[in-house]
PDB file of N, CA and C in Angstrom:
ATOM      1  N   MET A   1       0.817  -1.333  -0.106  1.00  0.00           N
ATOM      2  CA  MET A   1       0.256   0.028   0.076  1.00  0.00           C
ATOM      3  C   MET A   1       1.103   1.419   0.073  1.00  0.00           C
ATOM      4  N   LYS A   2       1.266   1.818  -1.348  1.00  0.00           N
ATOM      5  CA  LYS A   2       1.140   3.379  -1.143  1.00  0.00           C
ATOM      6  C   LYS A   2      -0.001   4.604  -0.609  1.00  0.00           C
ATOM      7  N   LEU A   3       0.659   5.191  -0.005  1.00  0.00           N
ATOM      8  CA  LEU A   3       0.152   6.957   0.206  1.00  0.00           C
ATOM      9  C   LEU A   3       0.662   7.966  -1.043  1.00  0.00           C
ATOM     10  N   THR A   4      -0.333   8.389  -1.560  1.00  0.00           N
ATOM     11  CA  THR A   4       0.048   9.191  -2.324  1.00  0.00           C
ATOM     12  C   THR A   4       0.350  10.704  -2.041  1.00  0.00           C
ATOM     13  N   ASP A   5       1.019  11.798  -2.563  1.00  0.00           N
ATOM     14  CA  ASP A   5       1.399  13.166  -1.638  1.00  0.00           C
ATOM     15  C   ASP A   5      -0.065  13.812  -1.039  1.00  0.00           C
ATOM     16  N   GLU A   6      -1.209  13.694  -1.723  1.00  0.00           N
ATOM     17  CA  GLU A   6      -2.495  14.051  -1.085  1.00  0.00           C
ATOM     18  C   GLU A   6      -3.115  13.532   0.040  1.00  0.00           C
ATOM     19  N   GLU A   7      -2.193  12.249  -0.307  1.00  0.00           N
ATOM     20  CA  GLU A   7      -3.259  11.574   0.831  1.00  0.00           C
ATOM     21  C   GLU A   7      -2.114  12.098   2.317  1.00  0.00           C
ATOM     22  N   VAL A   8      -0.964  11.803   1.968  1.00  0.00           N
ATOM     23  CA  VAL A   8      -0.141  12.115   3.171  1.00  0.00           C
ATOM     24  C   VAL A   8      -0.114  14.365   3.809  1.00  0.00           C
ATOM     25  N   ASN A   9      -0.620  14.785   2.556  1.00  0.00           N
ATOM     26  CA  ASN A   9      -0.403  16.043   2.746  1.00  0.00           C
ATOM     27  C   ASN A   9      -1.737  16.292   3.465  1.00  0.00           C
ATOM     28  N   GLU A  10      -2.897  15.932   3.493  1.00  0.00           N
ATOM     29  CA  GLU A  10      -4.261  15.955   3.987  1.00  0.00           C
ATOM     30  C   GLU A  10      -4.152  15.147   5.242  1.00  0.00           C
ATOM     31  N   ILE A  11      -3.537  13.944   5.789  1.00  0.00           N
ATOM     32  CA  ILE A  11      -2.752  13.892   7.491  1.00  0.00           C
ATOM     33  C   ILE A  11      -2.025  14.539   7.601  1.00  0.00           C
ATOM     34  N   ALA A  12      -1.450  14.812   7.344  1.00  0.00           N
ATOM     35  CA  ALA A  12      -0.331  16.560   7.948  1.00  0.00           C
ATOM     36  C   ALA A  12      -1.305  17.674   8.512  1.00  0.00           C
ATOM     37  N   LEU A  13      -2.379  18.482   7.564  1.00  0.00           N
ATOM     38  CA  LEU A  13      -2.913  19.094   7.659  1.00  0.00           C
ATOM     39  C   LEU A  13      -4.037  18.771   8.442  1.00  0.00           C
ATOM     40  N   GLU A  14      -4.721  17.192   8.803  1.00  0.00           N
ATOM     41  CA  GLU A  14      -5.593  16.574  10.124  1.00  0.00           C
ATOM     42  C   GLU A  14      -4.421  16.773  11.213  1.00  0.00           C
ATOM     43  N   SER A  15      -3.068  17.079  11.521  1.00  0.00           N
ATOM     44  CA  SER A  15      -1.939  17.136  12.548  1.00  0.00           C
ATOM     45  C   SER A  15      -1.730  18.447  12.974  1.00  0.00           C
ATOM     46  N   ARG A  16      -1.872  19.469  11.610  1.00  0.00           N
ATOM     47  CA  ARG A  16      -2.255  20.977  12.085  1.00  0.00           C
ATOM     48  C   ARG A  16      -0.692  21.150  11.839  1.00  0.00           C
ATOM     49  N   LEU A  17       0.075  20.643  11.109  1.00  0.00           N
ATOM     50  CA  LEU A  17       1.427  20.478   9.941  1.00  0.00           C
ATOM     51  C   LEU A  17       0.765  21.440   8.697  1.00  0.00           C
ATOM     52  N   LEU A  18       1.913  22.080   7.994  1.00  0.00           N
ATOM     53  CA  LEU A  18       1.646  22.688   7.242  1.00  0.00           C
ATOM     54  C   LEU A  18       3.074  22.089   6.894  1.00  0.00           C
ATOM     55  N   LEU A  19       3.521  21.355   5.279  1.00  0.00           N
ATOM     56  CA  LEU A  19       4.832  21.148   4.914  1.00  0.00           C
ATOM     57  C   LEU A  19       4.515  21.280   3.664  1.00  0.00           C
ATOM     58  N   ASN A  20       6.278  22.038   2.813  1.00  0.00           N
ATOM     59  CA  ASN A  20       6.214  22.810   2.347  1.00  0.00           C
ATOM     60  C   ASN A  20       6.516  21.379   0.978  1.00  0.00           C
ATOM     61  N   GLU A  21       6.687  21.395  -0.352  1.00  0.00           N
ATOM     62  CA  GLU A  21       6.749  20.748  -1.485  1.00  0.00           C
ATOM     63  C   GLU A  21       7.657  19.719  -1.247  1.00  0.00           C
ATOM     64  N   GLN A  22       8.779  20.109  -0.536  1.00  0.00           N
ATOM     65  CA  GLN A  22      10.334  19.513  -0.502  1.00  0.00           C
ATOM     66  C   GLN A  22       9.885  18.478   1.085  1.00  0.00           C
ATOM     67  N   GLU A  23       9.216  19.281   1.536  1.00  0.00           N
ATOM     68  CA  GLU A  23       8.875  18.277   3.515  1.00  0.00           C
ATOM     69  C   GLU A  23       8.216  17.341   3.009  1.00  0.00           C
ATOM     70  N   LEU A  24       6.771  17.992   1.995  1.00  0.00           N
ATOM     71  CA  LEU A  24       6.128  16.425   1.836  1.00  0.00           C
ATOM     72  C   LEU A  24       6.096  15.561   1.318  1.00  0.00           C
ATOM     73  N   LYS A  25       7.450  15.759   0.147  1.00  0.00           N
ATOM     74  CA  LYS A  25       7.917  14.545  -0.688  1.00  0.00           C
ATOM     75  C   LYS A  25       8.732  13.602   0.296  1.00  0.00           C
ATOM     76  N   GLY A  26       9.796  14.253   1.022  1.00  0.00           N
ATOM     77  CA  GLY A  26      10.344  13.283   2.218  1.00  0.00           C
ATOM     78  C   GLY A  26       9.102  12.404   2.851  1.00  0.00           C
ATOM     79  N   ALA A  27       8.185  13.517   3.861  1.00  0.00           N
ATOM     80  CA  ALA A  27       6.900  12.509   4.285  1.00  0.00           C
ATOM     81  C   ALA A  27       6.521  11.282   3.373  1.00  0.00           C
ATOM     82  N   VAL A  28       6.089  11.561   2.211  1.00  0.00           N
ATOM     83  CA  VAL A  28       5.945  10.859   1.276  1.00  0.00           C
ATOM     84  C   VAL A  28       6.675   9.707   1.198  1.00  0.00           C
ATOM     85  N   ARG A  29       7.517   9.923   0.944  1.00  0.00           N
ATOM     86  CA  ARG A  29       8.699   9.049   0.707  1.00  0.00           C
ATOM     87  C   ARG A  29       9.874   8.436   1.965  1.00  0.00           C
ATOM     88  N   TYR A  30       9.489   8.883   3.303  1.00  0.00           N
ATOM     89  CA  TYR A  30       9.468   8.130   4.661  1.00  0.00           C
ATOM     90  C   TYR A  30       8.039   6.977   5.131  1.00  0.00           C
ATOM     91  N   ILE A  31       7.031   7.705   4.864  1.00  0.00           N
ATOM     92  CA  ILE A  31       5.943   6.494   5.276  1.00  0.00           C
ATOM     93  C   ILE A  31       5.415   5.172   4.178  1.00  0.00           C
ATOM     94  N   ASN A  32       6.007   5.555   3.056  1.00  0.00           N
ATOM     95  CA  ASN A  32       5.791   4.832   2.168  1.00  0.00           C
ATOM     96  C   ASN A  32       7.081   3.947   2.131  1.00  0.00           C
ATOM     97  N   ASN A  33       8.148   3.903   2.433  1.00  0.00           N
ATOM     98  CA  ASN A  33       9.038   3.222   2.780  1.00  0.00           C
ATOM     99  C   ASN A  33       9.137   2.609   3.975  1.00  0.00           C
ATOM    100  N   PHE A  34       8.187   2.809   4.920  1.00  0.00           N
ATOM    101  CA  PHE A  34       7.981   2.262   6.082  1.00  0.00           C
ATOM    102  C   PHE A  34       6.403   1.229   5.680  1.00  0.00           C
ATOM    103  N   LEU A  35       6.124   1.193   4.911  1.00  0.00           N
ATOM    104  CA  LEU A  35       4.732   0.802   4.475  1.00  0.00           C
ATOM    105  C   LEU A  35       5.391  -0.260   4.163  1.00  0.00           C
ATOM    106  N   ASP A  36       6.316   0.118   3.241  1.00  0.00           N
ATOM    107  CA  ASP A  36       7.007  -1.568   2.736  1.00  0.00           C
ATOM    108  C   ASP A  36       7.659  -2.167   3.204  1.00  0.00           C
ATOM    109  N   ALA A  37       8.716  -1.847   4.900  1.00  0.00           N
ATOM    110  CA  ALA A  37       9.429  -2.369   5.251  1.00  0.00           C
ATOM    111  C   ALA A  37       8.070  -3.303   6.391  1.00  0.00           C
ATOM    112  N   LEU A  38       6.783  -3.049   6.683  1.00  0.00           N
ATOM    113  CA  LEU A  38       6.191  -3.876   7.423  1.00  0.00           C
ATOM    114  C   LEU A  38       5.327  -4.853   6.341  1.00  0.00           C
ATOM    115  N   GLU A  39       5.407  -4.912   5.105  1.00  0.00           N
ATOM    116  CA  GLU A  39       4.869  -6.043   4.157  1.00  0.00           C
ATOM    117  C   GLU A  39       5.731  -7.117   4.482  1.00  0.00           C
ATOM    118  N   CYS A  40       6.897  -7.314   4.822  1.00  0.00           N
ATOM    119  CA  CYS A  40       8.190  -8.702   5.102  1.00  0.00           C
ATOM    120  C   CYS A  40       7.616  -9.214   6.101  1.00  0.00           C
ATOM    121  N   PHE A  41       6.593  -8.464   7.278  1.00  0.00           N
ATOM    122  CA  PHE A  41       5.826  -9.654   8.390  1.00  0.00           C
ATOM    123  C   PHE A  41       4.278 -10.307   7.530  1.00  0.00           C
ATOM    124  N   LYS A  42       4.568 -10.185   6.997  1.00  0.00           N
ATOM    125  CA  LYS A  42       2.660 -11.265   6.083  1.00  0.00           C
ATOM    126  C   LYS A  42       3.428 -12.383   5.786  1.00  0.00           C
ATOM    127  N   GLU A  43       5.046 -12.857   5.597  1.00  0.00           N
ATOM    128  CA  GLU A  43       5.659 -13.333   4.663  1.00  0.00           C
ATOM    129  C   GLU A  43       5.909 -14.585   6.430  1.00  0.00           C
ATOM    130  N   LEU A  44       5.546 -13.774   7.361  1.00  0.00           N
ATOM    131  CA  LEU A  44       6.255 -14.798   8.434  1.00  0.00           C
ATOM    132  C   LEU A  44       4.572 -15.686   9.219  1.00  0.00           C
ATOM    133  N   ASP A  45       4.940 -17.359   9.221  1.00  0.00           N
ATOM    134  CA  ASP A  45       4.183 -18.315  10.035  1.00  0.00           C
ATOM    135  C   ASP A  45       3.911 -17.708  11.200  1.00  0.00           C
ATOM    136  N   LEU A  46       2.599 -17.367  11.344  1.00  0.00           N
ATOM    137  CA  LEU A  46       2.739 -17.385  12.866  1.00  0.00           C
ATOM    138  C   LEU A  46       1.772 -18.193  13.126  1.00  0.00           C
ATOM    139  N   ARG A  47       1.194 -19.554  12.718  1.00  0.00           N
ATOM    140  CA  ARG A  47       0.101 -20.132  13.050  1.00  0.00           C
ATOM    141  C   ARG A  47       0.204 -20.928  14.658  1.00  0.00           C
ATOM    142  N   ASP A  48       1.172 -21.172  15.307  1.00  0.00           N
ATOM    143  CA  ASP A  48       1.294 -21.897  16.360  1.00  0.00           C
ATOM    144  C   ASP A  48       2.522 -21.053  17.138  1.00  0.00           C
ATOM    145  N   VAL A  49       1.777 -19.824  17.329  1.00  0.00           N
ATOM    146  CA  VAL A  49       3.053 -18.278  17.716  1.00  0.00           C
ATOM    147  C   VAL A  49       1.851 -18.189  18.747  1.00  0.00           C
ATOM    148  N   GLU A  50       1.090 -18.376  20.107  1.00  0.00           N
ATOM    149  CA  GLU A  50       0.834 -17.822  20.686  1.00  0.00           C
ATOM    150  C   GLU A  50       0.780 -16.453  21.411  1.00  0.00           C
ATOM    151  N   PRO A  51      -0.637 -15.512  21.713  1.00  0.00           N
ATOM    152  CA  PRO A  51      -0.288 -14.320  21.430  1.00  0.00           C
ATOM    153  C   PRO A  51      -0.299 -13.845  23.242  1.00  0.00           C
ATOM    154  N   PHE A  52       0.366 -13.054  23.485  1.00  0.00           N
ATOM    155  CA  PHE A  52       0.776 -12.251  24.592  1.00  0.00           C
ATOM    156  C   PHE A  52       0.999 -10.917  24.609  1.00  0.00           C
ATOM    157  N   SER A  53       0.800 -10.256  25.719  1.00  0.00           N
ATOM    158  CA  SER A  53       0.591  -8.812  25.550  1.00  0.00           C
ATOM    159  C   SER A  53       1.887  -7.995  26.171  1.00  0.00           C
ATOM    160  N   PHE A  54       2.773  -8.871  26.853  1.00  0.00           N
ATOM    161  CA  PHE A  54       4.204  -8.758  27.067  1.00  0.00           C
ATOM    162  C   PHE A  54       4.869  -9.583  26.969  1.00  0.00           C
ATOM    163  N   ALA A  55       6.177  -8.930  26.544  1.00  0.00           N
ATOM    164  CA  ALA A  55       7.499 -10.200  26.698  1.00  0.00           C
ATOM    165  C   ALA A  55       7.591 -11.128  27.157  1.00  0.00           C
ATOM    166  N   GLU A  56       7.322 -11.062  28.294  1.00  0.00           N
ATOM    167  CA  GLU A  56       7.035 -11.819  29.262  1.00  0.00           C
ATOM    168  C   GLU A  56       6.103 -12.554  29.896  1.00  0.00           C
ATOM    169  N   ALA A  57       5.244 -13.401  29.145  1.00  0.00           N
ATOM    170  CA  ALA A  57       4.086 -13.697  29.453  1.00  0.00           C
ATOM    171  C   ALA A  57       3.972 -14.177  30.475  1.00  0.00           C
ATOM    172  N   LEU A  58       4.837 -14.665  31.269  1.00  0.00           N
ATOM    173  CA  LEU A  58       4.154 -15.133  32.553  1.00  0.00           C
ATOM    174  C   LEU A  58       4.355 -14.019  33.800  1.00  0.00           C
ATOM    175  N   GLU A  59       5.039 -13.271  33.865  1.00  0.00           N
ATOM    176  CA  GLU A  59       5.127 -11.564  34.557  1.00  0.00           C
ATOM    177  C   GLU A  59       4.914 -10.228  34.306  1.00  0.00           C
ATOM    178  N   CYS A  60       3.866  -9.448  34.476  1.00  0.00           N
ATOM    179  CA  CYS A  60       3.377  -8.279  34.221  1.00  0.00           C
ATOM    180  C   CYS A  60       4.767  -7.937  34.741  1.00  0.00           C
ATOM    181  N   PRO A  61       5.864  -7.097  33.635  1.00  0.00           N
ATOM    182  CA  PRO A  61       7.273  -6.217  33.690  1.00  0.00           C
ATOM    183  C   PRO A  61       6.783  -4.872  34.499  1.00  0.00           C
ATOM    184  N   LEU A  62       5.415  -4.607  34.681  1.00  0.00           N
ATOM    185  CA  LEU A  62       4.765  -3.138  34.732  1.00  0.00           C
ATOM    186  C   LEU A  62       4.750  -3.577  36.301  1.00  0.00           C
ATOM    187  N   ARG A  63       5.189  -2.497  36.644  1.00  0.00           N
ATOM    188  CA  ARG A  63       5.333  -2.055  38.296  1.00  0.00           C
ATOM    189  C   ARG A  63       4.202  -1.462  39.177  1.00  0.00           C
ATOM    190  N   GLU A  64       3.665  -1.536  40.342  1.00  0.00           N
ATOM    191  CA  GLU A  64       2.294  -1.199  40.709  1.00  0.00           C
ATOM    192  C   GLU A  64       2.217   0.779  40.630  1.00  0.00           C
ATOM    193  N   ASP A  65       1.077   0.707  40.496  1.00  0.00           N
ATOM    194  CA  ASP A  65       1.160   2.132  41.327  1.00  0.00           C
ATOM    195  C   ASP A  65       1.435   2.712  42.804  1.00  0.00           C
ATOM    196  N   ILE A  66       1.804   3.576  43.331  1.00  0.00           N
ATOM    197  CA  ILE A  66       2.071   3.954  44.592  1.00  0.00           C
ATOM    198  C   ILE A  66       1.970   5.483  44.561  1.00  0.00           C
ATOM    199  N   VAL A  67       0.700   5.002  45.817  1.00  0.00           N
ATOM    200  CA  VAL A  67       0.633   6.771  45.500  1.00  0.00           C
ATOM    201  C   VAL A  67       1.553   7.238  46.639  1.00  0.00           C
ATOM    202  N   ILE A  68       1.608   8.220  46.822  1.00  0.00           N
ATOM    203  CA  ILE A  68       2.962   8.991  47.371  1.00  0.00           C
ATOM    204  C   ILE A  68       2.942  10.246  47.897  1.00  0.00           C
ATOM    205  N   PRO A  69       2.501  11.195  48.939  1.00  0.00           N
ATOM    206  CA  PRO A  69       1.673  12.041  49.238  1.00  0.00           C
ATOM    207  C   PRO A  69       2.691  13.384  49.231  1.00  0.00           C
ATOM    208  N   PHE A  70       2.757  14.339  48.448  1.00  0.00           N
ATOM    209  CA  PHE A  70       3.772  15.368  48.628  1.00  0.00           C
ATOM    210  C   PHE A  70       3.222  16.754  49.271  1.00  0.00           C
ATOM    211  N   SER A  71       4.142  16.688  50.451  1.00  0.00           N
ATOM    212  CA  SER A  71       3.013  17.992  51.111  1.00  0.00           C
ATOM    213  C   SER A  71       4.030  19.345  50.731  1.00  0.00           C
ATOM    214  N   ASP A  72       4.388  18.963  50.260  1.00  0.00           N
ATOM    215  CA  ASP A  72       5.517  20.472  49.730  1.00  0.00           C
ATOM    216  C   ASP A  72       5.316  21.282  48.637  1.00  0.00           C
ATOM    217  N   THR A  73       4.052  21.296  48.046  1.00  0.00           N
ATOM    218  CA  THR A  73       3.396  22.243  47.518  1.00  0.00           C
ATOM    219  C   THR A  73       4.016  22.822  46.827  1.00  0.00           C
ATOM    220  N   GLU A  74       4.525  24.258  47.754  1.00  0.00           N
ATOM    221  CA  GLU A  74       4.440  25.663  47.884  1.00  0.00           C
ATOM    222  C   GLU A  74       5.717  25.487  46.934  1.00  0.00           C
ATOM    223  N   ALA A  75       7.019  24.982  47.295  1.00  0.00           N
ATOM    224  CA  ALA A  75       7.788  24.584  46.122  1.00  0.00           C
ATOM    225  C   ALA A  75       8.020  24.599  45.055  1.00  0.00           C
ATOM    226  N   ILE A  76       6.579  23.201  44.236  1.00  0.00           N
ATOM    227  CA  ILE A  76       7.052  23.232  43.511  1.00  0.00           C
ATOM    228  C   ILE A  76       5.811  24.707  42.366  1.00  0.00           C
ATOM    229  N   LEU A  77       5.192  25.102  43.011  1.00  0.00           N
ATOM    230  CA  LEU A  77       4.493  26.544  42.667  1.00  0.00           C
ATOM    231  C   LEU A  77       5.226  27.485  42.770  1.00  0.00           C
ATOM    232  N   HIS A  78       6.427  28.158  43.575  1.00  0.00           N
ATOM    233  CA  HIS A  78       7.173  28.195  43.700  1.00  0.00           C
ATOM    234  C   HIS A  78       8.360  27.999  42.281  1.00  0.00           C
ATOM    235  N   GLU A  79       8.472  27.103  41.699  1.00  0.00           N
ATOM    236  CA  GLU A  79       9.665  26.741  40.961  1.00  0.00           C
ATOM    237  C   GLU A  79       9.341  27.355  39.516  1.00  0.00           C
ATOM    238  N   SER A  80       7.878  27.236  39.295  1.00  0.00           N
ATOM    239  CA  SER A  80       7.021  27.194  37.972  1.00  0.00           C
ATOM    240  C   SER A  80       6.690  29.088  38.075  1.00  0.00           C
ATOM    241  N   GLU A  81       6.557  29.282  36.329  1.00  0.00           N
ATOM    242  CA  GLU A  81       6.445  30.499  36.093  1.00  0.00           C
ATOM    243  C   GLU A  81       4.725  30.595  35.764  1.00  0.00           C
ATOM    244  N   HIS A  82       4.374  30.001  35.804  1.00  0.00           N
ATOM    245  CA  HIS A  82       3.326  29.474  34.844  1.00  0.00           C
ATOM    246  C   HIS A  82       1.996  28.784  36.714  1.00  0.00           C
ATOM    247  N   VAL A  83       1.987  30.009  37.052  1.00  0.00           N
ATOM    248  CA  VAL A  83       1.372  29.388  38.285  1.00  0.00           C
ATOM    249  C   VAL A  83       0.097  30.857  38.623  1.00  0.00           C
ATOM    250  N   ASP A  84      -0.865  30.432  38.774  1.00  0.00           N
ATOM    251  CA  ASP A  84      -2.086  31.260  39.428  1.00  0.00           C
ATOM    252  C   ASP A  84      -2.483  30.933  39.979  1.00  0.00           C
ATOM    253  N   GLY A  85      -1.871  31.861  41.388  1.00  0.00           N
ATOM    254  CA  GLY A  85      -2.113  30.636  43.490  1.00  0.00           C
ATOM    255  C   GLY A  85      -1.946  30.174  43.294  1.00  0.00           C
ATOM    256  N   SER A  86      -2.675  29.315  43.001  1.00  0.00           N
ATOM    257  CA  SER A  86      -2.409  27.738  43.656  1.00  0.00           C
ATOM    258  C   SER A  86      -2.789  26.611  42.823  1.00  0.00           C
ATOM    259  N   TYR A  87      -2.714  27.525  42.222  1.00  0.00           N
ATOM    260  CA  TYR A  87      -2.909  26.142  40.261  1.00  0.00           C
ATOM    261  C   TYR A  87      -1.802  26.587  38.965  1.00  0.00           C
ATOM    262  N   PHE A  88      -2.243  25.626  38.806  1.00  0.00           N
ATOM    263  CA  PHE A  88      -1.014  26.262  37.327  1.00  0.00           C
ATOM    264  C   PHE A  88      -1.698  26.521  36.215  1.00  0.00           C
ATOM    265  N   LYS A  89      -1.114  27.459  35.544  1.00  0.00           N
ATOM    266  CA  LYS A  89      -2.105  28.223  34.340  1.00  0.00           C
ATOM    267  C   LYS A  89      -1.642  27.200  33.110  1.00  0.00           C
ATOM    268  N   VAL A  90      -2.489  26.135  32.403  1.00  0.00           N
ATOM    269  CA  VAL A  90      -2.241  25.791  31.264  1.00  0.00           C
ATOM    270  C   VAL A  90      -2.585  26.400  30.035  1.00  0.00           C
ATOM    271  N   PRO A  91      -1.738  26.488  28.979  1.00  0.00           N
ATOM    272  CA  PRO A  91      -1.730  27.273  27.743  1.00  0.00           C
ATOM    273  C   PRO A  91      -2.838  26.333  26.739  1.00  0.00           C
ATOM    274  N   ARG A  92      -3.307  27.664  26.174  1.00  0.00           N
ATOM    275  CA  ARG A  92      -4.768  27.068  25.720  1.00  0.00           C
ATOM    276  C   ARG A  92      -3.442  26.420  24.744  1.00  0.00           C
ATOM    277  N   ILE A  93      -4.462  25.470  23.629  1.00  0.00           N
ATOM    278  CA  ILE A  93      -3.677  24.131  22.636  1.00  0.00           C
ATOM    279  C   ILE A  93      -4.872  24.509  21.848  1.00  0.00           C
ATOM    280  N   MET A  94      -6.043  24.860  21.511  1.00  0.00           N
ATOM    281  CA  MET A  94      -7.488  24.408  20.576  1.00  0.00           C
ATOM    282  C   MET A  94      -8.158  25.802  20.860  1.00  0.00           C
ATOM    283  N   GLU A  95      -8.372  26.132  19.627  1.00  0.00           N
ATOM    284  CA  GLU A  95      -9.158  26.920  19.322  1.00  0.00           C
ATOM    285  C   GLU A  95     -10.720  26.380  19.800  1.00  0.00           C
ATOM    286  N   GLU A  96     -11.113  27.559  20.092  1.00  0.00           N
ATOM    287  CA  GLU A  96     -12.928  27.059  20.356  1.00  0.00           C
ATOM    288  C   GLU A  96     -13.708  26.782  19.099  1.00  0.00           C
TER     289      GLU A  96
END
């Protein structure tokens, strides 16, 4: 499966990226090379391979989440320039 310049440009616009002609050509070449590399996986015989979630099927490699209270919130608030009272100011990233 190969993507056209128009398809990659549409994907870029959806991602809020503006690509010039040279960047678009490079992105098309990069994506199509990646898709070509994935084609080799279709040649693998996986009939006898059991699916798994992690590389270590018997043991979950993730650690337990442990909640640790942090008592010195003032230290964090004074370190940041993006503070409004006792809250962090988060910049707007989307238009209304």
